C-alpha cells in the first residue's frame, strides 16, 4: 500500500517505499513523476518539499561558481521585480489619466 490514511480529516502520509521518488522530480518534473506513480502532483510536491525540509543538511554545499550564479540570479530577480512594480504603477497612472 503506497498511502495510508490517518483519519477522515487529516491528509495522506508517505509510505517509506516512496522515499526514492524525492530525488526524481528535479530531473523529470513533479507532474510527470506523479503521473508515473499515480499520485496527485500537488500531493507529490508537498511530499518533496517536506523531504527537502527534513533533509536540508544532507545536501552538499554550493560550489563557488554555483554560489556566484545564485547571487547573479537573485540580483536579476530583484531588478525584474522593481521593473514589474514600476510598470504596474505606470499602467495604473495612465489608466487613471485617460478616464
N, C-alpha and C. Protein backbone atom coordinates (compact mmCIF):
# COMPACT_ATOMS: atom_id res chain seq x y z
N UNK A 1 0.85 -1.18 0.00
CA UNK A 1 0.00 0.00 0.00
C UNK A 1 0.89 1.23 0.00
N UNK A 2 0.69 2.11 -0.96
CA UNK A 2 1.52 3.29 -1.07
C UNK A 2 1.13 4.38 -0.09
N UNK A 3 -0.14 4.52 0.19
CA UNK A 3 -0.61 5.61 1.03
C UNK A 3 -1.38 5.05 2.23
N UNK A 4 -1.29 5.74 3.33
CA UNK A 4 -2.10 5.36 4.50
C UNK A 4 -2.87 6.58 4.94
N UNK A 5 -4.11 6.37 5.29
CA UNK A 5 -4.98 7.47 5.71
C UNK A 5 -4.92 7.56 7.22
N UNK A 6 -4.60 8.76 7.75
CA UNK A 6 -4.51 8.94 9.19
C UNK A 6 -5.90 9.02 9.82
N UNK A 7 -6.77 9.81 9.24
CA UNK A 7 -8.14 9.94 9.71
C UNK A 7 -8.94 10.57 8.58
N UNK A 8 -10.25 10.66 8.70
CA UNK A 8 -11.03 11.27 7.62
C UNK A 8 -10.66 12.73 7.36
N UNK A 9 -10.09 13.41 8.34
CA UNK A 9 -9.79 14.83 8.20
C UNK A 9 -8.34 15.08 7.79
N UNK A 10 -7.41 14.29 8.29
CA UNK A 10 -6.00 14.55 8.03
C UNK A 10 -5.58 13.99 6.67
N UNK A 11 -4.54 14.55 6.09
CA UNK A 11 -4.10 14.12 4.76
C UNK A 11 -3.38 12.77 4.81
N UNK A 12 -3.10 12.27 3.62
CA UNK A 12 -2.36 11.02 3.49
C UNK A 12 -0.91 11.22 3.92
N UNK A 13 -0.27 10.14 4.30
CA UNK A 13 1.16 10.18 4.62
C UNK A 13 1.91 9.37 3.58
N UNK A 14 3.20 9.58 3.51
CA UNK A 14 4.03 8.89 2.54
C UNK A 14 4.47 7.56 3.10
N UNK A 15 4.35 6.53 2.28
CA UNK A 15 4.87 5.23 2.64
C UNK A 15 6.39 5.27 2.45
N UNK A 16 7.17 4.62 3.31
CA UNK A 16 8.63 4.65 3.16
C UNK A 16 9.10 4.18 1.79
N UNK A 17 8.31 3.39 1.10
CA UNK A 17 8.69 2.93 -0.23
C UNK A 17 8.78 4.04 -1.25
N UNK A 18 8.19 5.20 -0.98
CA UNK A 18 8.23 6.32 -1.92
C UNK A 18 9.39 7.26 -1.67
N UNK A 19 10.24 6.97 -0.74
CA UNK A 19 11.36 7.87 -0.43
C UNK A 19 12.26 8.10 -1.63
N UNK A 20 12.42 7.10 -2.47
CA UNK A 20 13.27 7.23 -3.64
C UNK A 20 12.75 8.24 -4.64
N UNK A 21 11.47 8.52 -4.60
CA UNK A 21 10.87 9.47 -5.53
C UNK A 21 11.36 10.88 -5.25
N UNK A 22 11.79 11.15 -4.05
CA UNK A 22 12.17 12.51 -3.68
C UNK A 22 13.31 13.05 -4.54
N UNK A 23 14.15 12.20 -5.07
CA UNK A 23 15.26 12.67 -5.89
C UNK A 23 14.85 12.81 -7.36
N UNK A 24 13.80 12.14 -7.79
CA UNK A 24 13.42 12.14 -9.19
C UNK A 24 12.83 13.44 -9.72
N UNK A 25 11.97 14.14 -8.98
CA UNK A 25 11.29 15.28 -9.58
C UNK A 25 12.19 16.34 -10.19
N UNK A 26 13.41 16.50 -9.71
CA UNK A 26 14.29 17.50 -10.29
C UNK A 26 14.59 17.19 -11.75
N UNK A 27 14.82 15.92 -12.04
CA UNK A 27 15.22 15.56 -13.39
C UNK A 27 14.03 15.41 -14.32
N UNK A 28 12.91 14.91 -13.84
CA UNK A 28 11.78 14.64 -14.72
C UNK A 28 10.65 15.65 -14.58
N UNK A 29 10.55 16.28 -13.46
CA UNK A 29 9.42 17.17 -13.22
C UNK A 29 8.39 16.48 -12.35
N UNK A 30 7.87 17.19 -11.41
CA UNK A 30 6.95 16.61 -10.44
C UNK A 30 5.70 16.06 -11.12
N UNK A 31 5.15 16.78 -12.09
CA UNK A 31 3.92 16.34 -12.74
C UNK A 31 4.12 14.99 -13.43
N UNK A 32 5.24 14.83 -14.11
CA UNK A 32 5.49 13.57 -14.82
C UNK A 32 5.69 12.41 -13.85
N UNK A 33 6.44 12.64 -12.79
CA UNK A 33 6.66 11.58 -11.80
C UNK A 33 5.34 11.23 -11.12
N UNK A 34 4.52 12.24 -10.82
CA UNK A 34 3.23 12.00 -10.17
C UNK A 34 2.35 11.13 -11.07
N UNK A 35 2.34 11.39 -12.36
CA UNK A 35 1.56 10.55 -13.28
C UNK A 35 2.10 9.13 -13.29
N UNK A 36 3.42 8.99 -13.27
CA UNK A 36 4.03 7.66 -13.31
C UNK A 36 3.65 6.81 -12.10
N UNK A 37 3.55 7.44 -10.93
CA UNK A 37 3.26 6.66 -9.72
C UNK A 37 1.80 6.79 -9.29
N UNK A 38 0.98 7.44 -10.14
CA UNK A 38 -0.47 7.56 -9.91
C UNK A 38 -0.80 8.30 -8.62
N UNK A 39 -0.16 9.47 -8.46
CA UNK A 39 -0.40 10.32 -7.30
C UNK A 39 -0.66 11.72 -7.81
N UNK A 40 -1.50 12.48 -7.13
CA UNK A 40 -1.77 13.87 -7.49
C UNK A 40 -0.47 14.66 -7.41
N UNK A 41 -0.24 15.54 -8.40
CA UNK A 41 1.03 16.27 -8.43
C UNK A 41 1.19 17.22 -7.24
N UNK A 42 0.09 17.77 -6.74
CA UNK A 42 0.16 18.62 -5.55
C UNK A 42 0.61 17.84 -4.33
N UNK A 43 0.10 16.61 -4.21
CA UNK A 43 0.49 15.75 -3.10
C UNK A 43 1.97 15.42 -3.18
N UNK A 44 2.42 15.02 -4.36
CA UNK A 44 3.84 14.69 -4.53
C UNK A 44 4.71 15.91 -4.26
N UNK A 45 4.26 17.08 -4.72
CA UNK A 45 5.01 18.31 -4.45
C UNK A 45 5.15 18.58 -2.96
N UNK A 46 4.06 18.34 -2.22
CA UNK A 46 4.12 18.51 -0.77
C UNK A 46 5.10 17.52 -0.15
N UNK A 47 5.06 16.28 -0.63
CA UNK A 47 5.98 15.26 -0.10
C UNK A 47 7.43 15.65 -0.37
N UNK A 48 7.70 16.12 -1.58
CA UNK A 48 9.06 16.51 -1.94
C UNK A 48 9.52 17.69 -1.07
N UNK A 49 8.65 18.68 -0.89
CA UNK A 49 9.00 19.82 -0.05
C UNK A 49 9.27 19.41 1.38
N UNK A 50 8.45 18.51 1.91
CA UNK A 50 8.66 18.00 3.27
C UNK A 50 9.99 17.26 3.37
N UNK A 51 10.26 16.42 2.38
CA UNK A 51 11.51 15.66 2.38
C UNK A 51 12.71 16.61 2.34
N UNK A 52 12.63 17.60 1.46
CA UNK A 52 13.75 18.54 1.34
C UNK A 52 13.95 19.34 2.62
N UNK A 53 12.86 19.71 3.28
CA UNK A 53 12.97 20.45 4.55
C UNK A 53 13.61 19.58 5.63
N UNK A 54 13.24 18.31 5.66
CA UNK A 54 13.78 17.40 6.68
C UNK A 54 15.22 17.01 6.40
N UNK A 55 15.63 17.04 5.14
CA UNK A 55 16.97 16.58 4.76
C UNK A 55 17.82 17.71 4.17
N UNK A 56 17.55 18.93 4.56
CA UNK A 56 18.28 20.07 4.00
C UNK A 56 19.77 19.99 4.30
N UNK A 57 20.13 19.48 5.47
CA UNK A 57 21.53 19.40 5.85
C UNK A 57 22.28 18.33 5.05
N UNK A 58 21.55 17.39 4.44
CA UNK A 58 22.17 16.31 3.67
C UNK A 58 22.72 16.78 2.33
N UNK A 59 22.24 17.91 1.84
CA UNK A 59 22.67 18.39 0.53
C UNK A 59 24.07 18.97 0.62
N UNK A 60 24.89 18.74 -0.41
CA UNK A 60 26.24 19.30 -0.39
C UNK A 60 26.18 20.82 -0.54
N UNK A 61 27.14 21.52 0.03
CA UNK A 61 27.15 22.99 -0.11
C UNK A 61 27.38 23.39 -1.56
N UNK A 62 26.99 24.59 -1.90
CA UNK A 62 27.17 25.09 -3.26
C UNK A 62 28.64 25.35 -3.55
N UNK A 63 29.02 25.08 -4.77
CA UNK A 63 30.40 25.39 -5.19
C UNK A 63 30.49 26.89 -5.45
N UNK A 64 31.70 27.38 -5.65
CA UNK A 64 31.91 28.81 -5.89
C UNK A 64 31.17 29.28 -7.14
N UNK A 65 31.26 28.58 -8.27
CA UNK A 65 30.51 29.04 -9.45
C UNK A 65 28.99 29.00 -9.23
N UNK A 66 28.51 27.98 -8.52
CA UNK A 66 27.08 27.90 -8.24
C UNK A 66 26.63 29.05 -7.34
N UNK A 67 27.44 29.37 -6.36
CA UNK A 67 27.12 30.48 -5.46
C UNK A 67 27.09 31.81 -6.22
N UNK A 68 28.05 31.99 -7.13
CA UNK A 68 28.09 33.21 -7.94
C UNK A 68 26.86 33.29 -8.84
N UNK A 69 26.50 32.18 -9.45
CA UNK A 69 25.32 32.15 -10.32
C UNK A 69 24.06 32.44 -9.51
N UNK A 70 23.97 31.90 -8.31
CA UNK A 70 22.82 32.15 -7.44
C UNK A 70 22.70 33.64 -7.12
N UNK A 71 23.83 34.26 -6.76
CA UNK A 71 23.81 35.71 -6.48
C UNK A 71 23.37 36.50 -7.70
N UNK A 72 23.87 36.10 -8.87
CA UNK A 72 23.51 36.77 -10.11
C UNK A 72 22.01 36.65 -10.38
N UNK A 73 21.47 35.46 -10.19
CA UNK A 73 20.04 35.25 -10.43
C UNK A 73 19.18 35.99 -9.40
N UNK A 74 19.63 36.03 -8.15
CA UNK A 74 18.88 36.77 -7.13
C UNK A 74 18.85 38.26 -7.46
N UNK A 75 19.98 38.80 -7.94
CA UNK A 75 20.03 40.21 -8.34
C UNK A 75 19.08 40.45 -9.50
N UNK A 76 19.09 39.54 -10.48
CA UNK A 76 18.21 39.68 -11.64
C UNK A 76 16.73 39.65 -11.22
N UNK A 77 16.40 38.78 -10.29
CA UNK A 77 15.02 38.71 -9.80
C UNK A 77 14.63 40.03 -9.13
N UNK A 78 15.53 40.58 -8.31
CA UNK A 78 15.24 41.87 -7.66
C UNK A 78 14.98 42.95 -8.70
N UNK A 79 15.84 43.02 -9.73
CA UNK A 79 15.68 44.03 -10.77
C UNK A 79 14.37 43.85 -11.52
N UNK A 80 14.03 42.61 -11.85
CA UNK A 80 12.79 42.35 -12.58
C UNK A 80 11.56 42.69 -11.74
N UNK A 81 11.63 42.43 -10.44
CA UNK A 81 10.51 42.79 -9.57
C UNK A 81 10.34 44.30 -9.51
N UNK A 82 11.45 45.04 -9.44
CA UNK A 82 11.37 46.50 -9.43
C UNK A 82 10.77 47.02 -10.74
N UNK A 83 11.21 46.46 -11.86
CA UNK A 83 10.67 46.87 -13.15
C UNK A 83 9.18 46.56 -13.24
N UNK A 84 8.80 45.39 -12.78
CA UNK A 84 7.40 44.99 -12.81
C UNK A 84 6.55 45.92 -11.95
N UNK A 85 7.06 46.26 -10.78
CA UNK A 85 6.34 47.17 -9.89
C UNK A 85 6.19 48.54 -10.55
N UNK A 86 7.27 49.03 -11.15
CA UNK A 86 7.23 50.33 -11.83
C UNK A 86 6.22 50.31 -12.98
N UNK A 87 6.25 49.25 -13.79
CA UNK A 87 5.33 49.17 -14.92
C UNK A 87 3.88 49.09 -14.46
N UNK A 88 3.64 48.39 -13.35
CA UNK A 88 2.29 48.33 -12.81
C UNK A 88 1.80 49.70 -12.37
N UNK A 89 2.68 50.45 -11.71
CA UNK A 89 2.31 51.80 -11.28
C UNK A 89 2.10 52.72 -12.48
N UNK A 90 2.94 52.59 -13.49
CA UNK A 90 2.80 53.42 -14.69
C UNK A 90 1.49 53.10 -15.40
N UNK A 91 1.17 51.84 -15.50
CA UNK A 91 -0.08 51.44 -16.15
C UNK A 91 -1.28 51.99 -15.38
N UNK A 92 -1.23 51.92 -14.05
CA UNK A 92 -2.32 52.46 -13.23
C UNK A 92 -2.43 53.97 -13.42
N UNK A 93 -1.30 54.65 -13.48
CA UNK A 93 -1.30 56.10 -13.68
C UNK A 93 -1.95 56.47 -15.01
N UNK A 94 -1.52 55.81 -16.09
CA UNK A 94 -2.06 56.13 -17.40
C UNK A 94 -3.52 55.70 -17.53
N UNK A 95 -3.91 54.65 -16.85
CA UNK A 95 -5.31 54.22 -16.88
C UNK A 95 -6.19 55.28 -16.22
N UNK A 96 -5.73 55.90 -15.15
CA UNK A 96 -6.49 56.95 -14.47
C UNK A 96 -6.53 58.22 -15.32
N UNK A 97 -5.42 58.53 -15.98
CA UNK A 97 -5.32 59.74 -16.75
C UNK A 97 -6.28 59.76 -17.94
N UNK A 98 -6.52 58.60 -18.53
CA UNK A 98 -7.35 58.55 -19.73
C UNK A 98 -8.81 58.20 -19.45
N UNK A 99 -9.22 58.29 -18.22
CA UNK A 99 -10.64 58.00 -17.91
C UNK A 99 -11.50 59.15 -18.23
